[in-house]
Amino acid sequence: MASERKKILLRLDPAVHDALARWASDELRSTNAQIEFLLRRALGDAGRLPREAQRMRGPGRPRLNEDDDENDES
């Protein structure tokens, strides 16, 4: 069962947002997913990422069938 995601309002300098959006695009993530990725990395580096935090989905489009990850031999 997936837990509800928290919604927050984030104000960014337009130049920072544009750079973040370009970086996210380069890594096939949404801007929101890129922010979460960076926050998780910072929390992990600081030793503050909660153990109960669910794993983040990898970059790119989600697969049609979640079982494809386990059966992918490429």
C-alpha atoms as a PDB file:
ATOM      1  CA  MET A   1       0.000   0.000   0.000  1.00  0.00           C
ATOM      2  CA  ALA A   2       1.505   3.346  -1.066  1.00  0.00           C
ATOM      3  CA  SER A   3       1.387   6.185   1.384  1.00  0.00           C
ATOM      4  CA  GLU A   4       0.097   9.605   0.430  1.00  0.00           C
ATOM      5  CA  ARG A   5       2.779  11.994  -0.824  1.00  0.00           C
ATOM      6  CA  LYS A   6       3.206  15.292   1.006  1.00  0.00           C
ATOM      7  CA  LYS A   7       2.582  18.464  -0.990  1.00  0.00           C
ATOM      8  CA  ILE A   8       4.612  21.605  -0.331  1.00  0.00           C
ATOM      9  CA  LEU A   9       4.918  25.040  -1.868  1.00  0.00           C
ATOM     10  CA  LEU A  10       8.493  25.833  -2.895  1.00  0.00           C
ATOM     11  CA  ARG A  11       9.638  29.247  -4.010  1.00  0.00           C
ATOM     12  CA  LEU A  12      12.778  29.289  -6.168  1.00  0.00           C
ATOM     13  CA  ASP A  13      14.811  31.912  -7.958  1.00  0.00           C
ATOM     14  CA  PRO A  14      13.779  31.636 -11.636  1.00  0.00           C
ATOM     15  CA  ALA A  15      17.388  30.996 -12.741  1.00  0.00           C
ATOM     16  CA  VAL A  16      17.732  28.182 -10.177  1.00  0.00           C
ATOM     17  CA  HIS A  17      14.439  26.681 -11.342  1.00  0.00           C
ATOM     18  CA  ASP A  18      15.518  26.812 -14.985  1.00  0.00           C
ATOM     19  CA  ALA A  19      18.859  25.131 -14.207  1.00  0.00           C
ATOM     20  CA  LEU A  20      17.089  22.485 -12.115  1.00  0.00           C
ATOM     21  CA  ALA A  21      14.540  21.840 -14.889  1.00  0.00           C
ATOM     22  CA  ARG A  22      17.344  21.396 -17.462  1.00  0.00           C
ATOM     23  CA  TRP A  23      19.196  19.001 -15.148  1.00  0.00           C
ATOM     24  CA  ALA A  24      16.007  17.036 -14.520  1.00  0.00           C
ATOM     25  CA  SER A  25      15.365  16.800 -18.257  1.00  0.00           C
ATOM     26  CA  ASP A  26      18.911  15.550 -18.861  1.00  0.00           C
ATOM     27  CA  GLU A  27      18.278  12.746 -16.346  1.00  0.00           C
ATOM     28  CA  LEU A  28      14.762  11.959 -17.640  1.00  0.00           C
ATOM     29  CA  ARG A  29      13.100  13.118 -14.419  1.00  0.00           C
ATOM     30  CA  SER A  30      10.436  15.685 -13.716  1.00  0.00           C
ATOM     31  CA  THR A  31      11.558  18.799 -11.884  1.00  0.00           C
ATOM     32  CA  ASN A  32       9.673  17.567  -8.818  1.00  0.00           C
ATOM     33  CA  ALA A  33      11.411  14.168  -8.946  1.00  0.00           C
ATOM     34  CA  GLN A  34      14.796  15.886  -9.349  1.00  0.00           C
ATOM     35  CA  ILE A  35      14.158  17.981  -6.236  1.00  0.00           C
ATOM     36  CA  GLU A  36      13.216  14.853  -4.281  1.00  0.00           C
ATOM     37  CA  PHE A  37      16.288  13.024  -5.622  1.00  0.00           C
ATOM     38  CA  LEU A  38      18.579  15.853  -4.501  1.00  0.00           C
ATOM     39  CA  LEU A  39      16.915  16.149  -1.093  1.00  0.00           C
ATOM     40  CA  ARG A  40      17.231  12.396  -0.519  1.00  0.00           C
ATOM     41  CA  ARG A  41      20.901  12.489  -1.517  1.00  0.00           C
ATOM     42  CA  ALA A  42      21.560  15.402   0.853  1.00  0.00           C
ATOM     43  CA  LEU A  43      19.728  13.622   3.680  1.00  0.00           C
ATOM     44  CA  GLY A  44      21.696  10.438   3.019  1.00  0.00           C
ATOM     45  CA  ASP A  45      25.021  12.294   2.937  1.00  0.00           C
ATOM     46  CA  ALA A  46      24.132  13.915   6.271  1.00  0.00           C
ATOM     47  CA  GLY A  47      23.079  10.583   7.772  1.00  0.00           C
ATOM     48  CA  ARG A  48      19.517  11.840   8.174  1.00  0.00           C
ATOM     49  CA  LEU A  49      17.554   9.808   5.609  1.00  0.00           C
ATOM     50  CA  PRO A  50      14.881   7.919   7.573  1.00  0.00           C
ATOM     51  CA  ARG A  51      15.067   4.137   7.289  1.00  0.00           C
ATOM     52  CA  GLU A  52      11.337   3.976   6.679  1.00  0.00           C
ATOM     53  CA  ALA A  53      11.584   6.265   3.610  1.00  0.00           C
ATOM     54  CA  GLN A  54      10.349   4.347   0.578  1.00  0.00           C
ATOM     55  CA  ARG A  55      12.691   3.814  -2.334  1.00  0.00           C
ATOM     56  CA  MET A  56      12.464   6.291  -5.165  1.00  0.00           C
ATOM     57  CA  ARG A  57      11.566   5.044  -8.628  1.00  0.00           C
ATOM     58  CA  GLY A  58      14.447   5.269 -11.104  1.00  0.00           C
ATOM     59  CA  PRO A  59      14.669   7.933 -13.813  1.00  0.00           C
ATOM     60  CA  GLY A  60      12.735   7.706 -17.055  1.00  0.00           C
ATOM     61  CA  ARG A  61       9.218   6.676 -17.914  1.00  0.00           C
ATOM     62  CA  PRO A  62       7.611   4.074 -15.679  1.00  0.00           C
ATOM     63  CA  ARG A  63       7.308   0.619 -17.202  1.00  0.00           C
ATOM     64  CA  LEU A  64       3.858  -0.622 -18.108  1.00  0.00           C
ATOM     65  CA  ASN A  65       4.337  -3.698 -15.930  1.00  0.00           C
ATOM     66  CA  GLU A  66       6.197  -3.352 -12.606  1.00  0.00           C
ATOM     67  CA  ASP A  67       7.373  -6.994 -12.942  1.00  0.00           C
ATOM     68  CA  ASP A  68       9.438  -6.006 -16.009  1.00  0.00           C
ATOM     69  CA  ASP A  69      12.277  -4.849 -13.696  1.00  0.00           C
ATOM     70  CA  GLU A  70      12.679  -8.355 -12.311  1.00  0.00           C
ATOM     71  CA  ASN A  71      12.490 -10.064 -15.707  1.00  0.00           C
ATOM     72  CA  ASP A  72      14.663  -7.620 -17.640  1.00  0.00           C
ATOM     73  CA  GLU A  73      17.725  -9.454 -18.937  1.00  0.00           C
ATOM     74  CA  SER A  74      19.204  -6.579 -20.986  1.00  0.00           C
END
